[in-house]
Protein backbone atom coordinates (compact mmCIF):
# COMPACT_ATOMS: atom_id res chain seq x y z
CA MET A 1 -0.07 0.03 -0.03
CA PHE A 2 1.28 3.41 -0.87
CA ASN A 3 2.50 5.29 2.26
CA ILE A 4 1.77 8.91 1.80
CA ARG A 5 3.52 10.00 5.04
CA LYS A 6 6.79 8.32 3.88
CA PHE A 7 6.36 9.93 0.43
CA LEU A 8 5.94 13.43 1.78
CA THR A 9 8.84 12.95 4.24
CA VAL A 10 11.17 11.90 1.48
CA MET A 11 10.23 14.91 -0.77
CA SER A 12 10.61 17.21 2.33
CA ALA A 13 14.11 15.70 2.84
CA LEU A 14 14.84 16.12 -0.91
CA LEU A 15 13.87 19.76 -0.74
CA LEU A 16 16.15 20.40 2.40
CA GLY A 17 19.04 18.81 0.68
CA VAL A 18 18.62 20.89 -2.40
CA LEU A 19 18.49 24.12 -0.21
CA VAL A 20 21.43 23.11 1.86
CA TYR A 21 23.36 22.16 -1.26
CA VAL A 22 22.84 25.64 -2.74
CA ASN A 23 23.78 27.25 0.45
CA ILE A 24 27.02 25.26 0.75
CA TYR A 25 27.78 25.69 -3.04
CA ALA A 26 27.57 29.53 -2.65
CA MET A 27 30.19 29.38 0.11
CA LYS A 28 32.47 26.87 -1.24
CA GLN A 29 32.92 28.46 -4.78
CA ASP A 30 35.94 30.78 -4.74
CA GLY A 31 33.98 33.82 -3.28
CA GLY A 32 31.25 33.42 -5.77
CA ARG A 33 31.78 36.53 -7.24
CA GLY A 34 31.59 38.50 -10.45
CA LYS A 35 29.17 40.53 -12.63
CA GLY A 36 25.71 39.54 -13.46
CA ALA A 37 24.11 40.50 -16.65
CA SER A 38 20.98 42.48 -15.23
CA ALA A 39 20.63 46.06 -13.89
CA ARG A 40 23.63 47.07 -15.90
CA ASP A 41 22.58 50.66 -16.20
CA GLU A 42 21.46 51.02 -12.57
CA ASN A 43 23.77 53.21 -10.22
CA GLY A 44 25.62 54.30 -13.29
CA GLY A 45 28.11 56.81 -11.98
CA PHE A 46 29.21 54.76 -9.10
CA LEU A 47 29.54 51.66 -11.08
CA ARG A 48 31.62 53.36 -13.81
CA MET A 49 34.00 54.61 -11.00
CA LEU A 50 33.97 51.09 -9.44
CA GLU A 51 34.57 49.25 -12.57
CA LYS A 52 37.34 51.63 -13.74
CA SER A 53 38.97 51.45 -10.38
CA ILE A 54 38.88 47.62 -10.40
CA SER A 55 40.11 47.27 -14.04
CA SER A 56 42.80 49.96 -13.87
CA SER A 57 44.70 48.70 -10.81
CA SER A 58 47.02 45.88 -9.83
CA ILE A 59 44.24 44.43 -7.32
CA ALA A 60 45.06 41.09 -5.92
CA SER A 61 42.91 38.22 -7.11
CA SER A 62 41.59 36.00 -4.55
CA THR A 63 40.65 33.04 -6.89
CA ASN A 64 43.47 30.56 -5.77
CA ASP A 65 42.62 26.99 -5.81
CA ALA A 66 43.82 24.57 -3.12
CA SER A 67 47.12 23.79 -4.99
CA ASP A 68 47.78 27.49 -5.04
CA ARG A 69 47.50 27.65 -1.35
CA SER A 70 49.35 24.57 -0.40
CA SER A 71 52.65 26.29 -0.15
CA SER A 72 51.34 29.20 1.83
CA ASN A 73 53.37 28.28 4.89
CA THR A 74 56.58 28.80 3.09
CA ALA A 75 55.47 31.52 0.62
CA PHE A 76 56.45 34.63 2.64
CA LEU A 77 59.95 35.67 3.33
CA GLN A 78 61.44 38.45 5.48
CA ASP A 79 62.29 40.40 2.50
CA GLY A 80 58.78 40.27 1.03
CA ALA A 81 59.80 37.63 -1.85
CA SER A 82 57.46 35.10 -2.80
CA ILE A 83 58.66 31.56 -3.34
CA GLU A 84 55.68 30.78 -5.57
CA ARG A 85 53.46 33.25 -7.38
CA ILE A 86 50.23 32.57 -9.28
CA SER A 87 51.04 35.34 -11.81
CA GLU A 88 53.06 38.30 -12.33
CA GLU A 89 49.81 39.77 -13.48
CA PRO A 90 47.17 39.07 -10.85
CA ILE A 91 43.77 38.02 -12.41
CA GLY A 92 41.48 40.88 -12.80
CA PHE A 93 38.05 41.15 -11.39
CA ASP A 94 36.52 40.78 -14.90
CA ALA A 95 38.24 37.48 -15.87
CA ALA A 96 38.04 34.23 -13.86
CA ASP A 97 35.82 35.70 -11.17
CA ASN A 98 33.13 36.37 -13.76
CA ILE A 99 33.14 32.68 -14.79
CA ARG A 100 32.78 31.57 -11.33
CA ILE A 101 29.88 33.94 -10.37
CA ASP A 102 28.31 32.82 -13.66
CA LYS A 103 28.45 29.13 -12.76
CA LEU A 104 27.09 29.93 -9.26
CA LEU A 105 24.07 31.82 -10.81
CA ARG A 106 23.33 29.02 -13.26
CA LYS A 107 23.39 26.67 -10.34
CA VAL A 108 21.15 28.80 -8.31
CA SER A 109 18.83 29.24 -11.21
CA GLU A 110 18.71 25.50 -11.77
CA ALA A 111 17.91 25.00 -8.04
CA ASP A 112 15.22 27.59 -8.22
CA THR A 113 13.52 25.73 -11.17
CA PHE A 114 13.96 22.50 -9.51
CA LEU A 115 12.60 23.56 -6.20
CA ASN A 116 9.46 25.21 -7.77
CA ASP A 117 8.74 22.16 -9.77
CA VAL A 118 9.05 19.83 -6.87
CA GLU A 119 6.99 22.11 -4.72
CA GLY A 120 4.23 22.46 -7.32
CA LYS A 121 3.95 18.70 -7.84
CA LEU A 122 4.05 18.14 -4.23
CA ARG A 123 1.20 20.53 -3.58
CA SER A 124 -0.83 19.26 -6.62
CA PHE A 125 -0.49 15.73 -5.22
CA ALA A 126 -1.59 16.78 -1.60
CA SER A 127 -4.60 18.59 -2.99
CA LYS A 128 -5.87 15.45 -4.71
CA ILE A 129 -5.84 13.49 -1.56
CA GLY A 130 -6.96 16.27 0.78
CA MET A 131 -3.68 16.83 2.64
CA GLU A 132 -2.90 20.39 1.94
CA ASN A 133 -2.63 21.41 5.59
CA TYR A 134 -0.21 18.53 6.30
CA VAL A 135 1.97 19.56 3.40
CA ASP A 136 2.01 23.15 4.51
CA HIS A 137 3.12 22.04 7.94
CA LYS A 138 5.94 19.99 6.33
CA LEU A 139 6.99 22.70 4.07
CA GLU A 140 7.12 25.36 6.90
CA PRO A 141 10.59 24.63 8.20
CA PHE A 142 11.98 25.05 4.74
CA ALA A 143 10.27 28.48 4.46
CA LYS A 144 11.96 29.64 7.71
CA HIS A 145 15.28 28.13 6.57
CA LYS A 146 15.24 30.34 3.50
CA GLY A 147 14.11 33.34 5.61
CA GLY A 148 10.61 33.37 4.07
CA GLY A 149 7.49 33.97 5.78
CA GLY A 150 4.85 32.34 3.80
CA GLY A 151 3.77 28.84 2.51
CA SER A 152 6.40 28.77 -0.36
CA VAL A 153 9.67 27.32 0.03
CA HIS A 154 11.39 29.33 -2.64
CA THR A 155 9.86 31.86 -4.74
CA THR A 156 11.40 33.35 -8.02
CA GLN A 157 8.16 34.08 -9.90
CA GLY A 158 5.58 36.58 -8.75
CA GLU A 159 7.95 38.37 -6.50
CA PRO A 160 6.81 41.85 -5.63
CA SER A 161 8.35 44.63 -7.30
CA LYS A 162 11.35 46.52 -5.65
CA GLU A 163 8.99 49.52 -5.23
CA LYS A 164 6.37 47.40 -3.44
CA MET A 165 9.02 45.74 -1.28
CA ARG A 166 10.20 49.11 -0.13
CA GLU A 167 6.75 50.14 0.66
CA GLN A 168 6.20 47.13 2.77
CA ARG A 169 9.71 47.86 4.40
CA GLN A 170 8.81 51.37 5.43
CA THR A 171 6.35 50.48 8.12
CA LYS A 172 6.19 52.68 11.23
CA ASP A 173 9.12 55.18 10.93
CA LEU A 174 11.60 52.76 9.13
CA THR A 175 13.32 53.67 6.10
CA GLY A 176 13.52 50.43 4.64
CA LEU A 177 17.25 50.93 3.90
CA ASN A 178 19.67 48.05 3.79
CA ILE A 179 22.95 48.69 5.88
CA LEU A 180 26.27 47.29 4.98
CA LEU A 181 29.12 47.78 7.35
CA LEU A 182 32.55 47.20 5.91
CA TYR A 183 34.64 46.84 9.18
CA ALA A 184 38.33 46.27 8.58
CA ASP A 185 41.08 45.95 11.43
CA ASP A 186 44.13 47.78 12.36
CA TRP A 187 43.81 50.65 9.52
CA THR A 188 45.40 53.89 10.32
CA HIS A 189 43.81 56.91 8.72
CA HIS A 190 46.10 57.11 5.88
CA THR A 191 45.75 53.36 4.85
CA LEU A 192 43.55 54.69 1.89
CA SER A 193 44.91 55.86 -1.36
CA SER A 194 42.21 58.50 -1.39
CA TYR A 195 43.81 60.17 1.61
CA HIS A 196 47.01 60.77 -0.32
CA LYS A 197 45.26 62.46 -3.23
CA THR A 198 44.86 65.38 -0.87
CA GLN A 199 47.89 64.84 1.26
CA PRO A 200 50.46 62.86 -1.03
CA LEU A 201 52.65 61.33 1.72
CA ASN A 202 52.36 57.93 0.01
CA THR A 203 51.46 57.33 -3.68
CA ILE A 204 52.17 53.62 -3.37
CA LEU A 205 49.18 52.12 -1.63
CA LYS A 206 46.21 51.38 -3.89
CA THR A 207 42.61 51.00 -2.55
CA PRO A 208 40.76 52.01 -5.73
CA VAL A 209 37.40 50.37 -4.66
CA LEU A 210 37.20 52.39 -1.44
CA ASP A 211 38.45 55.56 -3.27
CA ALA A 212 35.39 55.08 -5.80
CA LEU A 213 33.14 54.53 -2.72
CA ALA A 214 34.37 57.97 -1.22
CA GLU A 215 33.93 59.59 -4.64
CA ASP A 216 30.19 58.65 -4.61
CA GLY A 217 29.84 59.34 -0.89
CA ILE A 218 31.68 61.21 1.85
CA ARG A 219 35.12 60.67 3.46
CA PHE A 220 35.61 61.76 7.13
CA THR A 221 39.09 62.95 7.78
CA HIS A 222 39.06 63.36 11.55
CA ASN A 223 37.36 60.16 12.44
CA CYS A 224 38.74 58.74 15.74
CA VAL A 225 38.30 55.85 18.18
CA THR A 226 37.68 56.45 21.99
CA THR A 227 39.89 53.41 22.74
CA SER A 228 42.41 52.02 20.21
CA VAL A 229 42.26 48.21 20.68
CA CYS A 230 40.10 45.64 18.96
CA TRP A 231 37.75 44.19 21.77
CA ILE A 232 36.97 47.60 23.32
CA SER A 233 36.42 49.39 19.99
CA ARG A 234 34.15 46.69 18.87
CA ALA A 235 32.18 46.64 22.12
CA THR A 236 31.83 50.32 21.56
CA LEU A 237 30.61 49.59 17.92
CA PHE A 238 27.86 47.26 19.32
CA THR A 239 26.76 49.61 22.00
CA GLY A 240 27.42 53.05 21.18
CA GLN A 241 29.33 53.57 24.59
CA TYR A 242 32.76 54.33 25.93
CA MET A 243 34.57 51.63 27.63
CA SER A 244 34.03 53.09 30.89
CA ARG A 245 30.32 52.44 30.37
CA HIS A 246 30.08 49.21 28.60
CA GLY A 247 32.99 47.82 30.77
CA THR A 248 34.53 45.44 28.29
CA LYS A 249 38.18 45.79 29.31
CA GLU A 250 39.54 42.44 28.19
CA PRO A 251 38.65 40.27 25.18
CA CYS A 252 37.70 37.41 27.35
CA CYS A 253 34.89 39.22 29.38
CA TRP A 254 31.97 41.18 28.03
CA SER A 255 31.05 44.11 30.28
CA GLY A 256 33.65 43.17 32.82
CA MET A 257 31.89 39.86 33.66
CA LYS A 258 34.01 36.74 34.63
CA LYS A 259 34.49 34.37 31.87
CA PRO A 260 31.88 31.59 32.38
CA LYS A 261 32.83 27.98 32.24
CA GLU A 262 29.82 27.13 30.15
CA LYS A 263 27.72 29.31 27.70
CA LEU A 264 25.02 31.31 29.13
CA GLU A 265 21.52 30.52 28.57
CA LYS A 266 20.55 34.23 27.90
CA ALA A 267 22.44 37.49 27.02
CA PRO A 268 23.21 40.13 29.55
CA ASP A 269 20.86 43.11 29.80
CA ASN A 270 23.08 45.66 28.36
CA TRP A 271 23.53 43.43 25.20
CA ASN A 272 19.73 43.06 24.73
CA GLU A 273 19.13 46.83 25.46
CA LEU A 274 22.02 48.40 23.52
CA SER A 275 23.23 46.06 20.82
CA VAL A 276 22.68 47.41 17.25
CA TYR A 277 22.19 43.75 16.24
CA GLU A 278 19.34 43.15 18.64
CA ILE A 279 17.64 46.25 18.06
CA LEU A 280 17.59 45.89 14.21
CA ALA A 281 16.54 42.19 14.54
CA LYS A 282 13.62 43.14 16.91
CA ASN A 283 12.57 45.88 14.23
CA GLY A 284 12.32 43.57 11.22
CA TYR A 285 15.95 43.40 9.82
CA HIS A 286 17.69 40.44 8.66
CA VAL A 287 20.94 40.55 10.70
CA GLY A 288 24.19 38.99 9.49
CA HIS A 289 27.77 39.05 10.86
CA ALA A 290 30.70 37.72 8.83
CA GLY A 291 34.05 37.72 10.38
CA LYS A 292 35.65 38.88 13.76
CA TRP A 293 33.63 39.57 16.79
CA GLY A 294 36.71 40.47 18.80
CA VAL A 295 34.85 39.93 22.23
CA TYR A 296 34.04 36.68 23.88
CA MET A 297 30.18 36.73 24.14
CA PRO A 298 28.94 33.26 25.42
CA TRP A 299 25.32 33.54 24.92
CA PRO A 300 22.83 33.06 21.98
CA LYS A 301 22.88 36.09 19.93
CA ASN A 302 19.85 37.32 17.82
CA VAL A 303 21.92 37.07 14.63
CA PRO A 304 20.39 34.82 12.17
CA PHE A 305 23.53 34.63 9.95
CA ASN A 306 26.69 34.39 12.14
CA VAL A 307 30.14 33.05 10.93
CA GLU A 308 32.85 34.05 13.21
CA GLU A 309 36.45 33.97 11.85
CA ASP A 310 39.41 35.43 14.06
CA GLY A 311 43.06 35.05 14.76
CA TRP A 312 44.22 33.33 11.47
CA HIS A 313 45.52 34.23 7.92
CA TYR A 314 45.59 30.79 6.33
CA ARG A 315 43.38 27.63 7.24
CA LYS A 316 42.12 24.58 5.39
CA LEU A 317 38.49 24.24 5.49
CA GLY A 318 37.05 21.24 3.61
CA ASN A 319 39.34 20.68 0.54
CA LYS A 320 40.27 24.17 0.26
CA MET A 321 43.19 26.44 1.64
CA TRP A 322 41.38 29.63 2.58
CA HIS A 323 42.84 33.04 3.35
CA ILE A 324 40.83 34.79 5.77
CA THR A 325 39.93 37.79 3.72
CA GLU A 326 38.69 35.44 1.00
CA LYS A 327 36.69 33.59 3.56
CA ASN A 328 35.20 36.80 4.99
CA GLU A 329 34.25 37.74 1.23
CA ALA A 330 32.57 34.48 0.63
CA ASP A 331 30.58 34.48 3.71
CA ALA A 332 29.40 37.98 2.88
CA LEU A 333 28.29 36.78 -0.38
CA ARG A 334 26.71 33.78 0.91
CA PHE A 335 24.53 36.15 3.17
CA LEU A 336 23.63 38.36 0.26
CA VAL A 337 22.69 35.44 -1.89
CA THR A 338 20.69 33.57 0.63
CA ARG A 339 18.91 36.53 2.54
CA PRO A 340 15.08 36.91 2.48
CA ARG A 341 13.99 39.52 -0.18
CA ASP A 342 10.97 40.80 1.84
CA LYS A 343 12.97 42.61 4.60
CA PRO A 344 15.87 44.94 4.73
CA PHE A 345 19.15 43.60 5.98
CA PHE A 346 22.22 44.68 8.11
CA LEU A 347 25.39 43.01 7.56
CA ASN A 348 28.64 43.53 9.28
CA VAL A 349 31.62 42.29 7.23
CA ALA A 350 34.24 42.33 9.93
CA PHE A 351 37.49 41.79 8.13
CA TYR A 352 40.38 40.28 10.17
CA ALA A 353 42.93 42.00 7.90
CA THR A 354 45.07 43.91 8.15
CA HIS A 355 45.58 42.49 11.66
CA ALA A 356 48.97 40.76 12.04
CA LYS A 357 49.15 37.03 12.97
CA ASP A 358 50.37 37.35 16.52
CA GLY A 359 53.18 34.97 17.38
CA ASP A 360 54.19 34.31 13.82
CA VAL A 361 57.46 35.65 12.71
CA ARG A 362 56.02 36.56 9.43
CA GLN A 363 53.25 38.72 11.13
CA TYR A 364 51.46 39.70 7.82
CA MET A 365 50.51 36.97 5.23
CA PRO A 366 48.77 38.12 2.18
CA GLN A 367 47.30 35.95 -0.47
CA ASN A 368 49.85 34.25 -2.54
CA SER A 369 48.50 36.01 -5.78
CA SER A 370 49.10 39.42 -4.26
CA MET A 371 52.84 38.90 -3.78
CA SER A 372 53.78 40.66 -7.13
CA MET A 373 51.96 43.87 -5.84
CA TYR A 374 54.51 46.47 -4.48
CA ALA A 375 57.28 44.10 -5.00
CA HIS A 376 59.43 46.86 -6.74
CA ASP A 377 58.16 49.75 -4.78
CA GLU A 378 60.00 51.60 -2.08
CA ILE A 379 57.56 52.16 0.91
CA PRO A 380 58.06 55.63 2.46
CA VAL A 381 59.30 55.46 6.01
CA PRO A 382 57.31 57.70 8.48
CA ALA A 383 59.16 60.93 9.48
CA THR A 384 58.87 59.99 13.16
CA ALA A 385 60.33 56.54 12.67
CA THR A 386 63.56 57.42 14.24
CA ASP A 387 65.66 56.60 17.22
CA GLU A 388 65.27 60.36 18.23
CA ALA A 389 61.46 59.85 18.34
CA TRP A 390 61.65 56.84 20.57
CA LYS A 391 63.89 58.46 23.00
CA LYS A 392 61.47 61.33 23.32
CA MET A 393 58.75 58.93 24.38
CA PRO A 394 57.97 59.24 28.25
CA TYR A 395 60.58 57.68 30.58
CA PHE A 396 58.57 54.60 31.39
CA PHE A 397 58.53 53.44 27.60
CA THR A 398 61.33 50.86 27.81
CA GLU A 399 62.23 47.82 25.88
CA ARG A 400 59.72 45.94 28.04
CA ASN A 401 56.94 47.81 26.36
CA GLU A 402 54.90 45.62 24.14
CA GLY A 403 54.66 48.34 21.34
CA ARG A 404 58.49 48.45 21.37
CA ALA A 405 58.72 44.66 21.29
CA ARG A 406 56.43 44.52 18.23
CA TRP A 407 58.60 47.22 16.71
CA HIS A 408 61.60 45.03 17.02
CA SER A 409 59.45 42.26 15.30
CA ARG A 410 58.42 44.30 12.39
CA PHE A 411 60.30 47.53 11.77
CA GLU A 412 63.82 47.50 13.57
CA ASN A 413 65.75 47.74 10.28
CA HIS A 414 65.05 49.13 6.69
CA THR A 415 64.76 45.85 5.04
CA LEU A 416 62.40 44.37 7.74
CA HIS A 417 60.29 47.58 7.51
CA GLN A 418 59.82 47.28 3.78
CA SER A 419 58.89 43.62 3.85
CA MET A 420 56.25 44.07 6.58
CA MET A 421 54.72 47.15 5.13
CA LYS A 422 54.45 45.60 1.66
CA ASN A 423 52.58 42.60 2.97
CA TYR A 424 50.48 44.92 5.16
CA TYR A 425 49.55 46.89 2.06
CA ARG A 426 48.94 43.75 0.15
CA MET A 427 46.33 42.78 2.68
CA ALA A 428 44.84 46.13 2.67
CA THR A 429 44.37 45.94 -1.10
CA GLU A 430 42.95 42.59 -0.67
CA VAL A 431 40.35 43.82 1.54
CA ASP A 432 39.59 46.62 -1.01
CA THR A 433 39.07 44.09 -3.57
CA ALA A 434 36.75 41.96 -1.48
CA CYS A 435 34.78 45.16 -0.91
CA GLY A 436 34.55 45.44 -4.51
CA VAL A 437 33.18 42.08 -4.93
CA ILE A 438 30.61 42.52 -2.22
CA LEU A 439 29.51 45.84 -3.69
CA GLU A 440 29.23 44.22 -7.13
CA GLU A 441 26.86 41.66 -5.70
CA LEU A 442 24.67 44.49 -4.33
CA ARG A 443 24.73 46.07 -7.91
CA ARG A 444 23.72 42.69 -9.36
CA GLN A 445 20.82 42.41 -7.01
CA GLY A 446 19.70 46.02 -7.81
CA GLU A 447 20.18 47.12 -4.06
CA LEU A 448 23.07 49.58 -4.44
CA ASP A 449 20.70 52.68 -4.29
CA ASN A 450 18.63 51.09 -1.30
CA THR A 451 21.78 50.48 0.84
CA VAL A 452 23.74 52.71 3.30
CA ILE A 453 27.34 51.58 2.92
CA ILE A 454 29.87 52.47 5.80
CA PHE A 455 33.72 51.63 5.75
CA THR A 456 35.75 52.01 8.68
CA THR A 457 37.96 50.21 11.22
CA ASP A 458 38.42 49.30 14.81
CA ASN A 459 41.65 51.13 15.56
CA GLY A 460 44.66 52.64 13.88
CA ASN A 461 48.18 51.38 13.78
CA PHE A 462 51.85 52.52 14.31
CA HIS A 463 54.02 51.69 11.43
CA ALA A 464 57.28 52.56 13.29
CA GLU A 465 56.30 56.05 14.32
CA HIS A 466 57.86 56.86 17.67
CA GLY A 467 59.74 53.40 17.48
CA LEU A 468 56.60 51.62 17.94
CA ALA A 469 54.23 49.00 16.42
CA ASP A 470 50.55 48.33 16.68
CA LYS A 471 48.13 50.67 18.76
CA TRP A 472 46.91 51.43 22.31
CA TYR A 473 48.16 54.91 22.74
CA PRO A 474 46.66 58.38 22.21
CA HIS A 475 48.96 59.39 19.25
CA GLN A 476 47.35 60.28 15.90
CA GLU A 477 48.51 57.14 14.16
CA SER A 478 46.60 54.99 16.79
CA ILE A 479 43.43 56.89 17.21
CA ARG A 480 42.64 58.26 13.73
CA VAL A 481 41.02 55.73 11.32
CA PRO A 482 39.29 55.80 7.98
CA LEU A 483 35.61 56.50 7.54
CA ILE A 484 33.65 56.50 4.28
CA ILE A 485 29.86 56.66 4.04
CA ARG A 486 27.92 56.17 0.86
CA ASP A 487 24.28 56.90 1.55
CA PRO A 488 21.36 56.99 -0.89
CA ARG A 489 19.77 59.77 1.21
CA MET A 490 22.64 62.13 0.07
CA LYS A 491 21.37 64.74 -2.43
CA GLY A 492 24.57 66.47 -2.89
CA GLY A 493 28.09 66.88 -1.82
CA LYS A 494 29.30 63.44 -3.25
CA GLY A 495 33.13 63.09 -3.32
CA SER A 496 33.54 65.53 -0.56
CA THR A 497 35.35 65.43 2.67
CA ASN A 498 34.29 66.41 6.23
CA ASP A 499 36.90 67.36 8.91
CA ALA A 500 34.41 67.15 11.84
CA PHE A 501 35.28 64.80 14.83
CA THR A 502 33.36 61.64 14.18
CA LEU A 503 33.88 58.94 16.72
CA ASN A 504 33.29 55.29 16.99
CA ILE A 505 30.48 55.82 19.61
CA ASP A 506 28.78 57.45 16.69
CA LEU A 507 28.52 54.24 14.69
CA ALA A 508 25.69 52.55 16.55
CA PRO A 509 23.35 55.61 16.46
CA THR A 510 24.30 56.14 12.71
CA ILE A 511 23.31 52.72 11.79
CA LEU A 512 20.16 52.83 13.79
CA GLY A 513 19.43 56.24 12.25
CA ALA A 514 19.94 54.80 8.76
CA ALA A 515 17.15 52.31 9.74
CA GLY A 516 14.84 55.11 10.80
CA LEU A 517 15.22 53.99 14.51
CA PRO A 518 15.83 56.13 17.47
CA SER A 519 18.99 55.51 19.62
CA PRO A 520 18.57 54.22 23.18
CA LYS A 521 19.18 57.01 25.67
CA LYS A 522 22.29 55.20 27.14
CA MET A 523 24.05 55.41 23.89
CA MET A 524 26.65 58.30 23.88
CA GLY A 525 27.33 59.07 20.37
CA ARG A 526 25.46 60.95 17.62
CA ASP A 527 24.06 60.15 14.08
CA ILE A 528 26.82 61.10 11.65
CA SER A 529 24.28 61.62 8.90
CA GLN A 530 23.40 64.91 10.31
CA LEU A 531 26.65 66.16 9.02
CA TYR A 532 25.67 65.53 5.37
CA LEU A 533 21.81 65.66 5.55
CA SER A 534 21.58 68.80 7.69
CA SER A 535 23.26 72.13 6.65
CA SER A 536 23.43 73.30 10.19
CA ALA A 537 24.58 70.23 12.11
CA LYS A 538 28.43 70.97 11.85
CA GLU A 539 27.81 74.15 13.87
CA HIS A 540 26.67 72.23 16.93
CA TRP A 541 29.18 69.34 16.54
CA ARG A 542 31.77 68.29 19.03
CA SER A 543 35.11 70.18 18.81
CA GLU A 544 36.97 67.73 21.24
CA PHE A 545 36.67 64.48 22.73
CA PHE A 546 38.06 62.35 25.70
CA TYR A 547 40.18 59.20 25.01
CA GLU A 548 40.72 56.26 27.37
CA HIS A 549 42.72 53.08 27.31
CA PRO A 550 43.04 50.55 30.28
CA ILE A 551 46.36 49.07 31.56
CA VAL A 552 47.10 45.72 29.81
CA SER A 553 48.94 43.09 32.15
CA HIS A 554 51.07 45.53 33.78
CA ALA A 555 52.28 49.20 33.52
CA ALA A 556 55.56 48.35 31.89
CA TYR A 557 53.77 46.31 29.18
CA ILE A 558 51.00 48.46 28.17
CA PRO A 559 50.33 51.44 30.52
CA ALA A 560 46.94 53.07 30.87
CA SER A 561 46.50 56.35 28.89
CA GLU A 562 43.82 59.04 28.60
CA ALA A 563 43.71 62.17 26.51
CA LEU A 564 41.78 65.29 25.64
CA VAL A 565 42.00 65.63 21.96
CA ARG A 566 41.44 68.75 19.84
CA LYS A 567 42.33 69.59 16.22
CA ASN A 568 44.93 72.04 17.58
CA TYR A 569 46.28 70.58 20.84
CA LYS A 570 46.28 67.30 22.60
CA TYR A 571 46.62 66.84 26.27
CA MET A 572 47.81 63.12 27.37
CA TYR A 573 47.73 61.78 30.87
CA TRP A 574 49.31 58.44 31.87
CA PRO A 575 47.59 57.45 35.12
CA ASN A 576 49.92 54.71 36.22
CA TYR A 577 52.64 57.28 36.42
CA LYS A 578 50.78 60.50 36.83
CA TYR A 579 52.69 61.76 33.88
CA GLU A 580 51.36 64.60 31.72
CA GLN A 581 52.08 65.78 28.19
CA LEU A 582 50.92 68.57 25.90
CA PHE A 583 51.33 68.80 22.11
CA ASP A 584 50.78 71.57 19.51
CA LEU A 585 49.12 69.55 16.62
CA VAL A 586 49.23 72.51 14.14
CA ASN A 587 53.05 73.11 14.51
CA ASP A 588 53.97 69.56 15.57
CA PRO A 589 51.67 67.17 13.85
CA GLY A 590 54.17 64.29 14.47
CA GLU A 591 53.76 64.81 18.35
CA MET A 592 57.42 65.01 18.96
CA GLU A 593 57.89 68.22 21.10
CA ASP A 594 56.06 67.99 24.50
CA ILE A 595 55.36 71.48 25.52
CA PHE A 596 53.62 70.78 28.83
CA ASN A 597 56.40 72.38 30.94
CA SER A 598 56.51 75.36 28.88
CA THR A 599 56.32 78.85 30.66
CA LYS A 600 55.04 80.70 27.83
CA PRO A 601 51.80 82.55 29.01
CA ASP A 602 49.80 81.39 25.88
CA VAL A 603 50.78 77.76 26.59
CA VAL A 604 50.20 77.92 30.30
CA GLU A 605 46.60 79.17 29.37
CA ILE A 606 45.97 76.31 26.94
CA ARG A 607 47.35 73.71 29.48
CA ASN A 608 45.22 74.89 32.26
CA ASP A 609 42.08 75.06 30.00
CA MET A 610 42.70 71.60 28.61
CA LYS A 611 43.28 70.01 32.05
CA ARG A 612 40.03 71.59 33.29
CA ARG A 613 38.15 70.25 30.30
CA PHE A 614 39.82 66.92 30.51
CA GLU A 615 38.52 66.41 34.01
CA GLU A 616 35.02 67.47 33.08
CA LEU A 617 34.62 65.01 30.27
CA LYS A 618 36.37 62.22 32.03
CA ASN A 619 33.96 62.56 34.97
CA LEU A 620 31.08 62.71 32.70
CA VAL A 621 32.23 59.55 30.64
CA GLN A 622 32.87 57.73 33.87
CA SER A 623 29.56 58.77 35.61
CA ASP A 624 26.05 56.97 34.99
CA ALA A 625 24.58 60.26 33.53
CA ILE A 626 22.58 60.06 30.19
CA VAL A 627 24.66 62.10 27.98
CA THR A 628 25.27 62.61 24.16
CA LEU A 629 28.86 63.63 23.61
């Protein structure tokens, strides 16, 4: 006798298998990237800049197969040479990548057709035997798996128009805009070739995709972080708060809590209340995270798509040797391909690059196909990368200081400096390329003009300035980071720069504002879009900010530091040693000459004013007061 329940179960399993296959296929193809044929004329200006930037530069190809990666452990030498290279001319974005995306799209299309055919036959059969409700029940999990909300497993025909979808999205006060955060790691403010178009200190570095993004949006020249280290800056991104408020001082321990032995059953109150992920998800957004979290958060997160990658440059996954930037890119594409189309999305592509591989003598390990880039270039050495600058650091900066130890590992001689910086630049350009691939997928889906795109990074980086490497301290190289925003709401001013003090506490309010959501009162930052959507916002914007960083391990290793930062002067305070400094940033942008002990009347007046204001802001930040800074 024919067993209808068995038949339906088999068909359901078959449907699930196809869905999983499509999902895995999208991830395992080499990034699944390239150009589609549709919507070619949409977003024309930006696309022309984007395509020109990609085709006219030596961008690293991230299309290596497993054999290309197999020699990765021996491919990087101290002098920056490569034992094995894919090509002297890296594959362009329009070549092999196009073939791969076409194959992926054909596979997705085939799967669409197959799924619709199977579902139609299944429903037709069920209607004949009066078991429609049973079939609906069986298909419901698959609809959820695809992020849908109705009785159809997968819909390609009869989808609502983009205009209708946007109307559906714009419920309550929501804008219906998608939000894409491209969040890199350890990029100082001048790790952008567009920076050097106005201040040509370095004409070597190439980030053409991000340059094109800035040309179609706005670049902020004085964007800073309130604490320059990965985990604290990321906790600030999630909450819109200073370290003193969110309390995350160690990577192991969110909000200062002790690291639990087992995962927690529920999230802490401040995550539920302040997290931009939680707030967006509760208001109808499809939320995704691809890459580095940076903070240990041992509880279920309201993130439907969550792939965490952190701490590695190369790793074999399945049959493929992946570079982490390539994996970040592929996961971002998988999110975009599989996301539901009936709701707006938020995606944080949290690149691990250009973070060094701590503990590895090579430090920076780019993709093998990038090794020909910058090979014959001479990387400029910073003006303050001198023994004199190191000797001018406070007396407690000794060889035991971790910034100095990492300087020895990366920059202590010219040959080593050249090798490390070339590999750092290669990794930066790889991130730039990945951003281009992700933006191209948005264009292919026709969503560029419905997406707010933000590029920034968690903290800056010393590249031998002051005889140091890495971050932590209040110097310009450590606290200033890139920020580019492309916003469909912009009506003018594209390609402009803005020199207002924007901070990482502003990111959460800006993301929520793009969605049309108010910021929780406990958030401390401002919506940056005010600076380009309102003609008068800059008049009332901040002109200074408080900086803080905790002691790490012990004072000789990484001492605590605080500062009051203005555009013309900077006051630094080192709490472990009760040591004060003052720098004139206009006449001494390299922060070489400490004028704190000057007896000049004008300097004394400035010093007293900054100390007073420093204490005011410090007390405000470290209090429980509801405040927007």
